[in-house]
Amino acid sequence: MSNNGEKRDSYADSTEGTHASRTQARRDAVTVEIGYALASAAFVAALAFGVVTGPALFLNLSGGAVRAPVTSGGTLAAALFTLRVATVLYRFRQDAPAPQPSQPGRTSPDS
């Protein structure tokens, strides 16, 4: 237990019968957010790749003419994937609650 009475581990509390603590809930939230970031980034990247390379694949073009849109579509998809993951996780980090002071009545650890 910490100074303010919160459990820091995920062991069961024998008096209440709960298995999760705030830190376990936070870990679960982080796991869900990472999954969402990866899934939404994969969707955005696939959509961008399809938009850029789709017309080149359906037109009767030579090998060199098809390679340019496929390469640029792959590059754009990779960049958008990375950008989407970074922005989702950055926004999640910004929404995190501020840590509570270690001693009741204090407003900051240096008080």
Protein backbone atom coordinates (compact mmCIF):
# COMPACT_ATOMS: atom_id res chain seq x y z
CA MET A 1 0.00 0.00 0.00
CA SER A 2 1.11 3.51 -0.65
CA ASN A 3 0.81 6.47 1.70
CA ASN A 4 -2.71 7.31 0.56
CA GLY A 5 -4.09 3.77 0.99
CA GLU A 6 -4.10 2.67 -2.64
CA LYS A 7 -3.04 -0.81 -3.51
CA ARG A 8 -0.05 -0.90 -5.84
CA ASP A 9 -0.21 -4.54 -6.86
CA SER A 10 -2.83 -6.69 -8.54
CA TYR A 11 -3.29 -9.21 -5.73
CA ALA A 12 -6.79 -9.92 -4.50
CA ASP A 13 -8.03 -7.96 -1.53
CA SER A 14 -9.37 -10.63 0.82
CA THR A 15 -11.84 -8.30 2.53
CA GLU A 16 -13.45 -6.84 -0.60
CA GLY A 17 -12.88 -9.70 -3.05
CA THR A 18 -11.60 -7.39 -5.80
CA HIS A 19 -8.80 -8.45 -8.08
CA ALA A 20 -7.95 -5.15 -9.75
CA SER A 21 -6.33 -2.04 -8.41
CA ARG A 22 -5.88 1.36 -9.91
CA THR A 23 -2.50 0.46 -11.33
CA GLN A 24 -3.94 -2.70 -12.92
CA ALA A 25 -6.78 -0.66 -14.37
CA ARG A 26 -4.26 1.80 -15.76
CA ARG A 27 -2.25 -1.03 -17.31
CA ASP A 28 -5.42 -2.38 -18.88
CA ALA A 29 -6.28 1.06 -20.25
CA VAL A 30 -2.80 1.38 -21.75
CA THR A 31 -3.13 -2.05 -23.37
CA VAL A 32 -6.49 -1.16 -24.90
CA GLU A 33 -5.18 2.18 -26.11
CA ILE A 34 -2.16 0.57 -27.79
CA GLY A 35 -4.45 -1.92 -29.51
CA TYR A 36 -6.70 0.88 -30.70
CA ALA A 37 -3.72 2.88 -31.95
CA LEU A 38 -2.36 -0.06 -33.94
CA ALA A 39 -5.74 -1.06 -35.40
CA SER A 40 -6.73 2.44 -36.43
CA ALA A 41 -3.26 3.10 -37.85
CA ALA A 42 -3.42 -0.10 -39.91
CA PHE A 43 -6.82 0.96 -41.28
CA VAL A 44 -5.60 4.46 -42.21
CA ALA A 45 -2.43 3.05 -43.82
CA ALA A 46 -4.36 0.45 -45.85
CA LEU A 47 -6.84 3.08 -46.99
CA ALA A 48 -4.07 5.46 -48.09
CA PHE A 49 -2.20 2.66 -49.87
CA GLY A 50 -5.37 1.63 -51.70
CA VAL A 51 -6.19 5.18 -52.76
CA VAL A 52 -2.71 5.83 -54.14
CA THR A 53 -2.05 2.46 -55.79
CA GLY A 54 -5.59 1.45 -56.80
CA PRO A 55 -5.79 3.36 -60.06
CA ALA A 56 -2.31 2.23 -61.10
CA LEU A 57 -3.20 -1.42 -60.58
CA PHE A 58 -6.41 -1.27 -62.64
CA LEU A 59 -4.98 0.68 -65.57
CA ASN A 60 -2.97 -1.03 -68.28
CA LEU A 61 0.46 0.38 -67.37
CA SER A 62 3.98 -0.90 -67.83
CA GLY A 63 6.00 -2.30 -64.92
CA GLY A 64 7.93 0.91 -64.31
CA ALA A 65 4.79 3.03 -64.35
CA VAL A 66 3.14 0.77 -61.76
CA ARG A 67 6.21 0.70 -59.51
CA ALA A 68 6.16 4.46 -58.83
CA PRO A 69 2.63 4.64 -57.33
CA VAL A 70 3.14 1.40 -55.40
CA THR A 71 6.38 2.72 -53.91
CA SER A 72 4.89 6.11 -53.07
CA GLY A 73 1.75 4.46 -51.68
CA GLY A 74 3.85 2.22 -49.44
CA THR A 75 5.90 5.17 -48.24
CA LEU A 76 2.78 7.21 -47.54
CA ALA A 77 1.15 4.27 -45.74
CA ALA A 78 4.19 3.76 -43.51
CA ALA A 79 4.37 7.46 -42.67
CA LEU A 80 0.65 7.66 -41.88
CA PHE A 81 0.82 4.49 -39.77
CA THR A 82 3.64 5.93 -37.68
CA LEU A 83 1.96 9.32 -37.37
CA ARG A 84 -1.38 7.81 -36.33
CA VAL A 85 0.15 5.60 -33.63
CA ALA A 86 2.18 8.52 -32.27
CA THR A 87 -0.76 10.93 -32.14
CA VAL A 88 -3.15 8.45 -30.50
CA LEU A 89 -0.65 7.49 -27.82
CA TYR A 90 0.41 11.10 -27.27
CA ARG A 91 -3.22 12.15 -26.79
CA PHE A 92 -3.75 9.27 -24.36
CA ARG A 93 -0.72 10.37 -22.37
CA GLN A 94 -2.04 13.95 -22.20
CA ASP A 95 -5.38 12.70 -20.80
CA ALA A 96 -3.67 10.86 -17.92
CA PRO A 97 -4.69 12.03 -14.46
CA ALA A 98 -2.20 14.08 -12.48
CA PRO A 99 -0.45 12.20 -9.68
CA GLN A 100 -1.83 12.79 -6.23
CA PRO A 101 0.36 14.38 -3.56
CA SER A 102 2.10 11.88 -1.32
CA GLN A 103 0.90 13.53 1.86
CA PRO A 104 -2.68 14.69 2.51
CA GLY A 105 -3.06 18.46 2.56
CA ARG A 106 0.05 19.05 0.45
CA THR A 107 -0.29 20.42 -3.07
CA SER A 108 3.02 19.24 -4.44
CA PRO A 109 5.84 16.92 -3.38
CA ASP A 110 8.13 19.91 -2.70
CA SER A 111 5.69 21.67 -0.32
